[in-house]
């Protein structure tokens, strides 16, 4: 790969606007919902799925449900998306506030990360 192409790809990556928001994993058997925040939703789903499949997710209750029901027993969805202007800014506080709103709407919702 030549230098110019590498610079173009790097610039395109820095200028991208990933989808940010609240992600939800719902256990269909128990009705429990686990909510997390992500600054890149597709990467967030991939990370969670990898941790659950490898057996090293920090939320032990979620991990036990995953072992019992498997991937087919869960629904992955986007609960809410965040609209933002500056992709380089830290949107963690806004995402956490959005997650708290989602948790208030669902009595069986829990945080994904403890």
PDB file of N, CA and C in Angstrom:
ATOM      1  N   UNK A   1       0.850  -1.174   0.000  1.00  0.00           N
ATOM      2  CA  UNK A   1       0.000   0.000   0.000  1.00  0.00           C
ATOM      3  C   UNK A   1       0.894   1.235   0.000  1.00  0.00           C
ATOM      4  N   UNK A   2       0.616   2.138  -0.896  1.00  0.00           N
ATOM      5  CA  UNK A   2       1.448   3.336  -0.975  1.00  0.00           C
ATOM      6  C   UNK A   2       1.050   4.339   0.118  1.00  0.00           C
ATOM      7  N   UNK A   3       1.921   5.299   0.346  1.00  0.00           N
ATOM      8  CA  UNK A   3       1.735   6.256   1.434  1.00  0.00           C
ATOM      9  C   UNK A   3       0.482   7.109   1.262  1.00  0.00           C
ATOM     10  N   UNK A   4       0.240   7.546   0.046  1.00  0.00           N
ATOM     11  CA  UNK A   4      -0.918   8.404  -0.199  1.00  0.00           C
ATOM     12  C   UNK A   4      -2.222   7.676   0.117  1.00  0.00           C
ATOM     13  N   UNK A   5      -2.330   6.434  -0.301  1.00  0.00           N
ATOM     14  CA  UNK A   5      -3.539   5.651  -0.034  1.00  0.00           C
ATOM     15  C   UNK A   5      -3.714   5.426   1.462  1.00  0.00           C
ATOM     16  N   UNK A   6      -2.619   5.186   2.156  1.00  0.00           N
ATOM     17  CA  UNK A   6      -2.666   4.987   3.601  1.00  0.00           C
ATOM     18  C   UNK A   6      -3.151   6.256   4.305  1.00  0.00           C
ATOM     19  N   UNK A   7      -2.676   7.413   3.865  1.00  0.00           N
ATOM     20  CA  UNK A   7      -3.112   8.689   4.438  1.00  0.00           C
ATOM     21  C   UNK A   7      -4.596   8.916   4.179  1.00  0.00           C
ATOM     22  N   UNK A   8      -5.070   8.577   2.997  1.00  0.00           N
ATOM     23  CA  UNK A   8      -6.486   8.741   2.659  1.00  0.00           C
ATOM     24  C   UNK A   8      -7.361   7.856   3.549  1.00  0.00           C
ATOM     25  N   UNK A   9      -6.964   6.616   3.727  1.00  0.00           N
ATOM     26  CA  UNK A   9      -7.733   5.700   4.559  1.00  0.00           C
ATOM     27  C   UNK A   9      -7.751   6.154   6.017  1.00  0.00           C
ATOM     28  N   UNK A  10      -6.625   6.627   6.508  1.00  0.00           N
ATOM     29  CA  UNK A  10      -6.537   7.109   7.882  1.00  0.00           C
ATOM     30  C   UNK A  10      -7.414   8.344   8.080  1.00  0.00           C
ATOM     31  N   UNK A  11      -7.400   9.256   7.124  1.00  0.00           N
ATOM     32  CA  UNK A  11      -8.242  10.455   7.205  1.00  0.00           C
ATOM     33  C   UNK A  11      -9.721  10.085   7.169  1.00  0.00           C
ATOM     34  N   UNK A  12     -10.083   9.134   6.326  1.00  0.00           N
ATOM     35  CA  UNK A  12     -11.478   8.693   6.240  1.00  0.00           C
ATOM     36  C   UNK A  12     -11.925   8.058   7.556  1.00  0.00           C
ATOM     37  N   UNK A  13     -11.051   7.296   8.190  1.00  0.00           N
ATOM     38  CA  UNK A  13     -11.385   6.673   9.467  1.00  0.00           C
ATOM     39  C   UNK A  13     -11.588   7.727  10.552  1.00  0.00           C
ATOM     40  N   UNK A  14     -10.747   8.718  10.591  1.00  0.00           N
ATOM     41  CA  UNK A  14     -10.855   9.770  11.609  1.00  0.00           C
ATOM     42  C   UNK A  14     -12.104  10.622  11.420  1.00  0.00           C
ATOM     43  N   UNK A  15     -12.567  10.768  10.203  1.00  0.00           N
ATOM     44  CA  UNK A  15     -13.717  11.618   9.919  1.00  0.00           C
ATOM     45  C   UNK A  15     -15.043  10.869   9.934  1.00  0.00           C
ATOM     46  N   UNK A  16     -15.026   9.576  10.130  1.00  0.00           N
ATOM     47  CA  UNK A  16     -16.268   8.809  10.124  1.00  0.00           C
ATOM     48  C   UNK A  16     -17.132   9.170  11.332  1.00  0.00           C
ATOM     49  N   UNK A  17     -18.399   8.940  11.213  1.00  0.00           N
ATOM     50  CA  UNK A  17     -19.348   9.233  12.276  1.00  0.00           C
ATOM     51  C   UNK A  17     -20.026   7.926  12.683  1.00  0.00           C
ATOM     52  N   UNK A  18     -19.445   7.209  13.649  1.00  0.00           N
ATOM     53  CA  UNK A  18     -20.046   5.946  14.049  1.00  0.00           C
ATOM     54  C   UNK A  18     -21.388   6.164  14.750  1.00  0.00           C
ATOM     55  N   UNK A  19     -22.254   5.184  14.652  1.00  0.00           N
ATOM     56  CA  UNK A  19     -23.548   5.248  15.317  1.00  0.00           C
ATOM     57  C   UNK A  19     -23.335   4.997  16.805  1.00  0.00           C
ATOM     58  N   UNK A  20     -23.775   5.939  17.639  1.00  0.00           N
ATOM     59  CA  UNK A  20     -23.648   5.829  19.095  1.00  0.00           C
ATOM     60  C   UNK A  20     -25.029   5.664  19.698  1.00  0.00           C
ATOM     61  N   UNK A  21     -25.086   4.970  20.833  1.00  0.00           N
ATOM     62  CA  UNK A  21     -26.372   4.847  21.498  1.00  0.00           C
ATOM     63  C   UNK A  21     -26.389   3.792  22.567  1.00  0.00           C
ATOM     64  N   UNK A  22     -27.604   3.404  22.922  1.00  0.00           N
ATOM     65  CA  UNK A  22     -27.848   2.402  23.957  1.00  0.00           C
ATOM     66  C   UNK A  22     -28.157   1.088  23.258  1.00  0.00           C
ATOM     67  N   UNK A  23     -27.404   0.066  23.615  1.00  0.00           N
ATOM     68  CA  UNK A  23     -27.624  -1.261  23.035  1.00  0.00           C
ATOM     69  C   UNK A  23     -28.315  -2.145  24.065  1.00  0.00           C
ATOM     70  N   UNK A  24     -29.138  -3.062  23.578  1.00  0.00           N
ATOM     71  CA  UNK A  24     -29.932  -3.910  24.462  1.00  0.00           C
ATOM     72  C   UNK A  24     -29.773  -5.369  24.083  1.00  0.00           C
ATOM     73  N   UNK A  25     -29.596  -6.203  25.106  1.00  0.00           N
ATOM     74  CA  UNK A  25     -29.612  -7.652  24.945  1.00  0.00           C
ATOM     75  C   UNK A  25     -30.797  -8.140  25.760  1.00  0.00           C
ATOM     76  N   UNK A  26     -31.722  -8.821  25.113  1.00  0.00           N
ATOM     77  CA  UNK A  26     -32.917  -9.293  25.811  1.00  0.00           C
ATOM     78  C   UNK A  26     -32.932 -10.808  25.814  1.00  0.00           C
ATOM     79  N   UNK A  27     -33.049 -11.366  27.010  1.00  0.00           N
ATOM     80  CA  UNK A  27     -33.186 -12.814  27.159  1.00  0.00           C
ATOM     81  C   UNK A  27     -34.660 -13.141  26.951  1.00  0.00           C
ATOM     82  N   UNK A  28     -34.969 -13.871  25.911  1.00  0.00           N
ATOM     83  CA  UNK A  28     -36.353 -14.166  25.566  1.00  0.00           C
ATOM     84  C   UNK A  28     -37.019 -15.070  26.608  1.00  0.00           C
ATOM     85  N   UNK A  29     -36.270 -15.954  27.236  1.00  0.00           N
ATOM     86  CA  UNK A  29     -36.848 -16.893  28.190  1.00  0.00           C
ATOM     87  C   UNK A  29     -37.252 -16.223  29.498  1.00  0.00           C
ATOM     88  N   UNK A  30     -36.451 -15.283  29.977  1.00  0.00           N
ATOM     89  CA  UNK A  30     -36.724 -14.645  31.263  1.00  0.00           C
ATOM     90  C   UNK A  30     -37.333 -13.254  31.122  1.00  0.00           C
ATOM     91  N   UNK A  31     -37.202 -12.643  29.960  1.00  0.00           N
ATOM     92  CA  UNK A  31     -37.717 -11.301  29.749  1.00  0.00           C
ATOM     93  C   UNK A  31     -36.807 -10.205  30.271  1.00  0.00           C
ATOM     94  N   UNK A  32     -35.633 -10.569  30.766  1.00  0.00           N
ATOM     95  CA  UNK A  32     -34.694  -9.577  31.282  1.00  0.00           C
ATOM     96  C   UNK A  32     -33.991  -8.868  30.125  1.00  0.00           C
ATOM     97  N   UNK A  33     -33.740  -7.593  30.325  1.00  0.00           N
ATOM     98  CA  UNK A  33     -33.040  -6.790  29.334  1.00  0.00           C
ATOM     99  C   UNK A  33     -31.782  -6.220  29.964  1.00  0.00           C
ATOM    100  N   UNK A  34     -30.687  -6.299  29.245  1.00  0.00           N
ATOM    101  CA  UNK A  34     -29.404  -5.761  29.691  1.00  0.00           C
ATOM    102  C   UNK A  34     -29.040  -4.610  28.764  1.00  0.00           C
ATOM    103  N   UNK A  35     -28.869  -3.425  29.351  1.00  0.00           N
ATOM    104  CA  UNK A  35     -28.604  -2.219  28.582  1.00  0.00           C
ATOM    105  C   UNK A  35     -27.169  -1.753  28.769  1.00  0.00           C
ATOM    106  N   UNK A  36     -26.545  -1.378  27.683  1.00  0.00           N
ATOM    107  CA  UNK A  36     -25.188  -0.850  27.719  1.00  0.00           C
ATOM    108  C   UNK A  36     -25.074   0.330  26.776  1.00  0.00           C
ATOM    109  N   UNK A  37     -24.001   1.070  26.927  1.00  0.00           N
ATOM    110  CA  UNK A  37     -23.762   2.199  26.028  1.00  0.00           C
ATOM    111  C   UNK A  37     -22.615   1.845  25.097  1.00  0.00           C
ATOM    112  N   UNK A  38     -22.664   2.422  23.910  1.00  0.00           N
ATOM    113  CA  UNK A  38     -21.613   2.147  22.936  1.00  0.00           C
ATOM    114  C   UNK A  38     -21.373   3.370  22.077  1.00  0.00           C
ATOM    115  N   UNK A  39     -20.107   3.689  21.865  1.00  0.00           N
ATOM    116  CA  UNK A  39     -19.757   4.793  20.986  1.00  0.00           C
ATOM    117  C   UNK A  39     -19.584   4.326  19.547  1.00  0.00           C
ATOM    118  N   UNK A  40     -19.695   3.027  19.336  1.00  0.00           N
ATOM    119  CA  UNK A  40     -19.704   2.435  18.000  1.00  0.00           C
ATOM    120  C   UNK A  40     -20.551   1.163  18.105  1.00  0.00           C
ATOM    121  N   UNK A  41     -21.810   1.266  17.763  1.00  0.00           N
ATOM    122  CA  UNK A  41     -22.769   0.192  18.028  1.00  0.00           C
ATOM    123  C   UNK A  41     -22.388  -1.146  17.395  1.00  0.00           C
ATOM    124  N   UNK A  42     -22.027  -1.219  16.114  1.00  0.00           N
ATOM    125  CA  UNK A  42     -21.641  -2.534  15.571  1.00  0.00           C
ATOM    126  C   UNK A  42     -20.432  -3.140  16.301  1.00  0.00           C
ATOM    127  N   UNK A  43     -19.458  -2.322  16.634  1.00  0.00           N
ATOM    128  CA  UNK A  43     -18.294  -2.823  17.373  1.00  0.00           C
ATOM    129  C   UNK A  43     -18.689  -3.244  18.785  1.00  0.00           C
ATOM    130  N   UNK A  44     -19.634  -2.527  19.389  1.00  0.00           N
ATOM    131  CA  UNK A  44     -20.110  -2.883  20.721  1.00  0.00           C
ATOM    132  C   UNK A  44     -20.784  -4.238  20.740  1.00  0.00           C
ATOM    133  N   UNK A  45     -21.651  -4.499  19.755  1.00  0.00           N
ATOM    134  CA  UNK A  45     -22.300  -5.809  19.669  1.00  0.00           C
ATOM    135  C   UNK A  45     -21.274  -6.916  19.464  1.00  0.00           C
ATOM    136  N   UNK A  46     -20.306  -6.665  18.615  1.00  0.00           N
ATOM    137  CA  UNK A  46     -19.267  -7.653  18.348  1.00  0.00           C
ATOM    138  C   UNK A  46     -18.471  -7.961  19.618  1.00  0.00           C
ATOM    139  N   UNK A  47     -18.135  -6.932  20.379  1.00  0.00           N
ATOM    140  CA  UNK A  47     -17.366  -7.107  21.604  1.00  0.00           C
ATOM    141  C   UNK A  47     -18.148  -7.917  22.642  1.00  0.00           C
ATOM    142  N   UNK A  48     -19.402  -7.579  22.824  1.00  0.00           N
ATOM    143  CA  UNK A  48     -20.230  -8.287  23.800  1.00  0.00           C
ATOM    144  C   UNK A  48     -20.394  -9.745  23.407  1.00  0.00           C
ATOM    145  N   UNK A  49     -20.693  -9.982  22.141  1.00  0.00           N
ATOM    146  CA  UNK A  49     -20.888 -11.353  21.660  1.00  0.00           C
ATOM    147  C   UNK A  49     -19.617 -12.178  21.851  1.00  0.00           C
ATOM    148  N   UNK A  50     -18.462 -11.589  21.562  1.00  0.00           N
ATOM    149  CA  UNK A  50     -17.194 -12.305  21.715  1.00  0.00           C
ATOM    150  C   UNK A  50     -16.939 -12.644  23.180  1.00  0.00           C
ATOM    151  N   UNK A  51     -17.204 -11.704  24.082  1.00  0.00           N
ATOM    152  CA  UNK A  51     -16.980 -11.953  25.513  1.00  0.00           C
ATOM    153  C   UNK A  51     -17.919 -13.026  26.048  1.00  0.00           C
ATOM    154  N   UNK A  52     -19.151 -13.012  25.590  1.00  0.00           N
ATOM    155  CA  UNK A  52     -20.094 -14.033  26.038  1.00  0.00           C
ATOM    156  C   UNK A  52     -19.737 -15.405  25.486  1.00  0.00           C
ATOM    157  N   UNK A  53     -19.373 -15.472  24.218  1.00  0.00           N
ATOM    158  CA  UNK A  53     -19.029 -16.758  23.618  1.00  0.00           C
ATOM    159  C   UNK A  53     -17.753 -17.347  24.205  1.00  0.00           C
ATOM    160  N   UNK A  54     -16.830 -16.475  24.612  1.00  0.00           N
ATOM    161  CA  UNK A  54     -15.587 -16.982  25.196  1.00  0.00           C
ATOM    162  C   UNK A  54     -15.729 -17.280  26.688  1.00  0.00           C
ATOM    163  N   UNK A  55     -16.833 -16.838  27.298  1.00  0.00           N
ATOM    164  CA  UNK A  55     -17.070 -17.121  28.709  1.00  0.00           C
ATOM    165  C   UNK A  55     -16.389 -16.163  29.659  1.00  0.00           C
ATOM    166  N   UNK A  56     -16.013 -14.989  29.194  1.00  0.00           N
ATOM    167  CA  UNK A  56     -15.294 -14.041  30.037  1.00  0.00           C
ATOM    168  C   UNK A  56     -15.995 -12.693  30.148  1.00  0.00           C
ATOM    169  N   UNK A  57     -17.299 -12.673  30.136  1.00  0.00           N
ATOM    170  CA  UNK A  57     -18.025 -11.411  30.318  1.00  0.00           C
ATOM    171  C   UNK A  57     -18.084 -11.085  31.817  1.00  0.00           C
ATOM    172  N   UNK A  58     -17.895  -9.813  32.210  1.00  0.00           N
ATOM    173  CA  UNK A  58     -17.879  -9.475  33.630  1.00  0.00           C
ATOM    174  C   UNK A  58     -19.245  -9.588  34.323  1.00  0.00           C
ATOM    175  N   UNK A  59     -20.348  -9.546  33.596  1.00  0.00           N
ATOM    176  CA  UNK A  59     -21.665  -9.682  34.198  1.00  0.00           C
ATOM    177  C   UNK A  59     -21.990 -11.176  34.302  1.00  0.00           C
ATOM    178  N   UNK A  60     -21.814 -11.734  35.489  1.00  0.00           N
ATOM    179  CA  UNK A  60     -21.948 -13.181  35.679  1.00  0.00           C
ATOM    180  C   UNK A  60     -23.379 -13.672  35.451  1.00  0.00           C
ATOM    181  N   UNK A  61     -24.362 -12.888  35.851  1.00  0.00           N
ATOM    182  CA  UNK A  61     -25.753 -13.302  35.638  1.00  0.00           C
ATOM    183  C   UNK A  61     -26.050 -13.416  34.140  1.00  0.00           C
ATOM    184  N   UNK A  62     -25.626 -12.430  33.386  1.00  0.00           N
ATOM    185  CA  UNK A  62     -25.807 -12.463  31.932  1.00  0.00           C
ATOM    186  C   UNK A  62     -25.062 -13.652  31.336  1.00  0.00           C
ATOM    187  N   UNK A  63     -23.867 -13.890  31.803  1.00  0.00           N
ATOM    188  CA  UNK A  63     -23.071 -15.013  31.296  1.00  0.00           C
ATOM    189  C   UNK A  63     -23.748 -16.348  31.596  1.00  0.00           C
ATOM    190  N   UNK A  64     -24.334 -16.484  32.790  1.00  0.00           N
ATOM    191  CA  UNK A  64     -25.048 -17.716  33.124  1.00  0.00           C
ATOM    192  C   UNK A  64     -26.263 -17.915  32.223  1.00  0.00           C
ATOM    193  N   UNK A  65     -27.003 -16.832  31.958  1.00  0.00           N
ATOM    194  CA  UNK A  65     -28.146 -16.926  31.047  1.00  0.00           C
ATOM    195  C   UNK A  65     -27.693 -17.303  29.638  1.00  0.00           C
ATOM    196  N   UNK A  66     -26.564 -16.750  29.208  1.00  0.00           N
ATOM    197  CA  UNK A  66     -26.018 -17.051  27.874  1.00  0.00           C
ATOM    198  C   UNK A  66     -25.644 -18.528  27.780  1.00  0.00           C
ATOM    199  N   UNK A  67     -25.029 -19.052  28.835  1.00  0.00           N
ATOM    200  CA  UNK A  67     -24.647 -20.466  28.829  1.00  0.00           C
ATOM    201  C   UNK A  67     -25.884 -21.364  28.813  1.00  0.00           C
ATOM    202  N   UNK A  68     -26.931 -20.944  29.485  1.00  0.00           N
ATOM    203  CA  UNK A  68     -28.140 -21.745  29.565  1.00  0.00           C
ATOM    204  C   UNK A  68     -28.960 -21.708  28.275  1.00  0.00           C
ATOM    205  N   UNK A  69     -29.139 -20.527  27.685  1.00  0.00           N
ATOM    206  CA  UNK A  69     -30.027 -20.383  26.530  1.00  0.00           C
ATOM    207  C   UNK A  69     -29.297 -20.209  25.202  1.00  0.00           C
ATOM    208  N   UNK A  70     -28.033 -19.849  25.234  1.00  0.00           N
ATOM    209  CA  UNK A  70     -27.262 -19.678  24.008  1.00  0.00           C
ATOM    210  C   UNK A  70     -27.639 -18.416  23.248  1.00  0.00           C
ATOM    211  N   UNK A  71     -26.956 -18.190  22.157  1.00  0.00           N
ATOM    212  CA  UNK A  71     -27.180 -16.986  21.362  1.00  0.00           C
ATOM    213  C   UNK A  71     -28.605 -16.928  20.817  1.00  0.00           C
ATOM    214  N   UNK A  72     -29.181 -18.074  20.521  1.00  0.00           N
ATOM    215  CA  UNK A  72     -30.542 -18.104  19.976  1.00  0.00           C
ATOM    216  C   UNK A  72     -31.574 -17.615  20.991  1.00  0.00           C
ATOM    217  N   UNK A  73     -31.244 -17.637  22.253  1.00  0.00           N
ATOM    218  CA  UNK A  73     -32.164 -17.200  23.298  1.00  0.00           C
ATOM    219  C   UNK A  73     -32.125 -15.713  23.568  1.00  0.00           C
ATOM    220  N   UNK A  74     -31.303 -14.973  22.816  1.00  0.00           N
ATOM    221  CA  UNK A  74     -31.146 -13.538  23.042  1.00  0.00           C
ATOM    222  C   UNK A  74     -31.464 -12.749  21.782  1.00  0.00           C
ATOM    223  N   UNK A  75     -31.972 -11.549  22.000  1.00  0.00           N
ATOM    224  CA  UNK A  75     -32.220 -10.613  20.922  1.00  0.00           C
ATOM    225  C   UNK A  75     -31.311  -9.415  21.130  1.00  0.00           C
ATOM    226  N   UNK A  76     -30.528  -9.071  20.113  1.00  0.00           N
ATOM    227  CA  UNK A  76     -29.658  -7.901  20.142  1.00  0.00           C
ATOM    228  C   UNK A  76     -30.379  -6.774  19.419  1.00  0.00           C
ATOM    229  N   UNK A  77     -30.475  -5.609  20.057  1.00  0.00           N
ATOM    230  CA  UNK A  77     -31.148  -4.481  19.407  1.00  0.00           C
ATOM    231  C   UNK A  77     -30.550  -3.157  19.878  1.00  0.00           C
ATOM    232  N   UNK A  78     -30.914  -2.110  19.169  1.00  0.00           N
ATOM    233  CA  UNK A  78     -30.507  -0.759  19.532  1.00  0.00           C
ATOM    234  C   UNK A  78     -31.710  -0.112  20.203  1.00  0.00           C
ATOM    235  N   UNK A  79     -31.573   0.222  21.497  1.00  0.00           N
ATOM    236  CA  UNK A  79     -32.684   0.818  22.237  1.00  0.00           C
ATOM    237  C   UNK A  79     -32.889   2.276  21.831  1.00  0.00           C
ATOM    238  N   UNK A  80     -31.809   3.022  21.782  1.00  0.00           N
ATOM    239  CA  UNK A  80     -31.862   4.433  21.382  1.00  0.00           C
ATOM    240  C   UNK A  80     -30.543   4.818  20.735  1.00  0.00           C
ATOM    241  N   UNK A  81     -30.612   5.748  19.808  1.00  0.00           N
ATOM    242  CA  UNK A  81     -29.392   6.280  19.210  1.00  0.00           C
ATOM    243  C   UNK A  81     -29.201   7.718  19.665  1.00  0.00           C
ATOM    244  N   UNK A  82     -27.951   8.126  19.692  1.00  0.00           N
ATOM    245  CA  UNK A  82     -27.591   9.478  20.117  1.00  0.00           C
ATOM    246  C   UNK A  82     -27.267  10.306  18.891  1.00  0.00           C
ATOM    247  N   UNK A  83     -27.875  11.481  18.803  1.00  0.00           N
ATOM    248  CA  UNK A  83     -27.539  12.413  17.728  1.00  0.00           C
ATOM    249  C   UNK A  83     -26.475  13.354  18.272  1.00  0.00           C
ATOM    250  N   UNK A  84     -25.402  13.493  17.537  1.00  0.00           N
ATOM    251  CA  UNK A  84     -24.284  14.305  18.004  1.00  0.00           C
ATOM    252  C   UNK A  84     -23.667  15.049  16.836  1.00  0.00           C
ATOM    253  N   UNK A  85     -22.895  16.098  17.173  1.00  0.00           N
ATOM    254  CA  UNK A  85     -22.261  16.923  16.147  1.00  0.00           C
ATOM    255  C   UNK A  85     -20.791  16.598  15.961  1.00  0.00           C
ATOM    256  N   UNK A  86     -20.060  16.497  17.069  1.00  0.00           N
ATOM    257  CA  UNK A  86     -18.611  16.314  17.010  1.00  0.00           C
ATOM    258  C   UNK A  86     -18.240  14.868  17.319  1.00  0.00           C
ATOM    259  N   UNK A  87     -17.769  14.098  16.344  1.00  0.00           N
ATOM    260  CA  UNK A  87     -17.411  12.710  16.609  1.00  0.00           C
ATOM    261  C   UNK A  87     -16.180  12.554  17.496  1.00  0.00           C
ATOM    262  N   UNK A  88     -15.362  13.586  17.604  1.00  0.00           N
ATOM    263  CA  UNK A  88     -14.149  13.489  18.418  1.00  0.00           C
ATOM    264  C   UNK A  88     -14.414  13.769  19.893  1.00  0.00           C
ATOM    265  N   UNK A  89     -15.556  14.356  20.213  1.00  0.00           N
ATOM    266  CA  UNK A  89     -15.873  14.695  21.601  1.00  0.00           C
ATOM    267  C   UNK A  89     -16.267  13.447  22.390  1.00  0.00           C
ATOM    268  N   UNK A  90     -16.144  13.545  23.713  1.00  0.00           N
ATOM    269  CA  UNK A  90     -16.530  12.444  24.594  1.00  0.00           C
ATOM    270  C   UNK A  90     -18.020  12.565  24.911  1.00  0.00           C
ATOM    271  N   UNK A  91     -18.796  11.579  24.515  1.00  0.00           N
ATOM    272  CA  UNK A  91     -20.245  11.598  24.695  1.00  0.00           C
ATOM    273  C   UNK A  91     -20.699  10.622  25.781  1.00  0.00           C
ATOM    274  N   UNK A  92     -19.807  10.224  26.661  1.00  0.00           N
ATOM    275  CA  UNK A  92     -20.130   9.219  27.669  1.00  0.00           C
ATOM    276  C   UNK A  92     -21.266   9.666  28.588  1.00  0.00           C
ATOM    277  N   UNK A  93     -21.223  10.900  29.070  1.00  0.00           N
ATOM    278  CA  UNK A  93     -22.266  11.381  29.981  1.00  0.00           C
ATOM    279  C   UNK A  93     -23.632  11.399  29.297  1.00  0.00           C
ATOM    280  N   UNK A  94     -23.674  11.822  28.052  1.00  0.00           N
ATOM    281  CA  UNK A  94     -24.934  11.838  27.311  1.00  0.00           C
ATOM    282  C   UNK A  94     -25.460  10.420  27.095  1.00  0.00           C
ATOM    283  N   UNK A  95     -24.569   9.487  26.802  1.00  0.00           N
ATOM    284  CA  UNK A  95     -24.975   8.099  26.598  1.00  0.00           C
ATOM    285  C   UNK A  95     -25.489   7.479  27.890  1.00  0.00           C
ATOM    286  N   UNK A  96     -24.847   7.786  29.012  1.00  0.00           N
ATOM    287  CA  UNK A  96     -25.294   7.248  30.292  1.00  0.00           C
ATOM    288  C   UNK A  96     -26.667   7.802  30.668  1.00  0.00           C
ATOM    289  N   UNK A  97     -26.911   9.083  30.385  1.00  0.00           N
ATOM    290  CA  UNK A  97     -28.221   9.670  30.651  1.00  0.00           C
ATOM    291  C   UNK A  97     -29.296   9.014  29.782  1.00  0.00           C
ATOM    292  N   UNK A  98     -28.956   8.725  28.544  1.00  0.00           N
ATOM    293  CA  UNK A  98     -29.878   8.049  27.643  1.00  0.00           C
ATOM    294  C   UNK A  98     -30.187   6.633  28.136  1.00  0.00           C
ATOM    295  N   UNK A  99     -29.161   5.948  28.649  1.00  0.00           N
ATOM    296  CA  UNK A  99     -29.370   4.602  29.195  1.00  0.00           C
ATOM    297  C   UNK A  99     -30.273   4.654  30.428  1.00  0.00           C
ATOM    298  N   UNK A 100     -30.094   5.648  31.277  1.00  0.00           N
ATOM    299  CA  UNK A 100     -30.931   5.776  32.465  1.00  0.00           C
ATOM    300  C   UNK A 100     -32.398   5.982  32.075  1.00  0.00           C
ATOM    301  N   UNK A 101     -32.657   6.733  31.017  1.00  0.00           N
ATOM    302  CA  UNK A 101     -34.028   6.906  30.532  1.00  0.00           C
ATOM    303  C   UNK A 101     -34.608   5.573  30.080  1.00  0.00           C
ATOM    304  N   UNK A 102     -33.799   4.790  29.386  1.00  0.00           N
ATOM    305  CA  UNK A 102     -34.255   3.476  28.923  1.00  0.00           C
ATOM    306  C   UNK A 102     -34.520   2.542  30.102  1.00  0.00           C
ATOM    307  N   UNK A 103     -33.689   2.624  31.131  1.00  0.00           N
ATOM    308  CA  UNK A 103     -33.876   1.768  32.300  1.00  0.00           C
ATOM    309  C   UNK A 103     -35.142   2.155  33.061  1.00  0.00           C
ATOM    310  N   UNK A 104     -35.479   3.437  33.068  1.00  0.00           N
ATOM    311  CA  UNK A 104     -36.696   3.883  33.746  1.00  0.00           C
ATOM    312  C   UNK A 104     -37.943   3.374  33.031  1.00  0.00           C
ATOM    313  N   UNK A 105     -37.851   3.157  31.735  1.00  0.00           N
ATOM    314  CA  UNK A 105     -38.993   2.681  30.946  1.00  0.00           C
ATOM    315  C   UNK A 105     -39.228   1.184  31.092  1.00  0.00           C
ATOM    316  N   UNK A 106     -38.211   0.424  31.438  1.00  0.00           N
ATOM    317  CA  UNK A 106     -38.318  -1.036  31.531  1.00  0.00           C
ATOM    318  C   UNK A 106     -37.948  -1.485  32.938  1.00  0.00           C
ATOM    319  N   UNK A 107     -38.908  -2.069  33.652  1.00  0.00           N
ATOM    320  CA  UNK A 107     -38.682  -2.484  35.035  1.00  0.00           C
ATOM    321  C   UNK A 107     -37.684  -3.642  35.144  1.00  0.00           C
ATOM    322  N   UNK A 108     -37.581  -4.476  34.115  1.00  0.00           N
ATOM    323  CA  UNK A 108     -36.671  -5.626  34.162  1.00  0.00           C
ATOM    324  C   UNK A 108     -35.302  -5.325  33.549  1.00  0.00           C
ATOM    325  N   UNK A 109     -35.042  -4.076  33.269  1.00  0.00           N
ATOM    326  CA  UNK A 109     -33.752  -3.715  32.637  1.00  0.00           C
ATOM    327  C   UNK A 109     -32.669  -3.622  33.692  1.00  0.00           C
ATOM    328  N   UNK A 110     -31.480  -4.065  33.302  1.00  0.00           N
ATOM    329  CA  UNK A 110     -30.283  -4.000  34.140  1.00  0.00           C
ATOM    330  C   UNK A 110     -29.146  -3.430  33.302  1.00  0.00           C
ATOM    331  N   UNK A 111     -28.121  -2.991  33.995  1.00  0.00           N
ATOM    332  CA  UNK A 111     -26.939  -2.515  33.278  1.00  0.00           C
ATOM    333  C   UNK A 111     -26.171  -3.716  32.737  1.00  0.00           C
ATOM    334  N   UNK A 112     -25.637  -3.554  31.566  1.00  0.00           N
ATOM    335  CA  UNK A 112     -24.863  -4.608  30.919  1.00  0.00           C
ATOM    336  C   UNK A 112     -23.560  -4.845  31.666  1.00  0.00           C
ATOM    337  N   UNK A 113     -22.907  -3.757  32.058  1.00  0.00           N
ATOM    338  CA  UNK A 113     -21.638  -3.827  32.771  1.00  0.00           C
ATOM    339  C   UNK A 113     -21.878  -3.433  34.206  1.00  0.00           C
ATOM    340  N   UNK A 114     -21.387  -4.221  35.117  1.00  0.00           N
ATOM    341  CA  UNK A 114     -21.562  -3.907  36.543  1.00  0.00           C
ATOM    342  C   UNK A 114     -20.379  -3.190  37.078  1.00  0.00           C
TER     343      UNK A 114
END
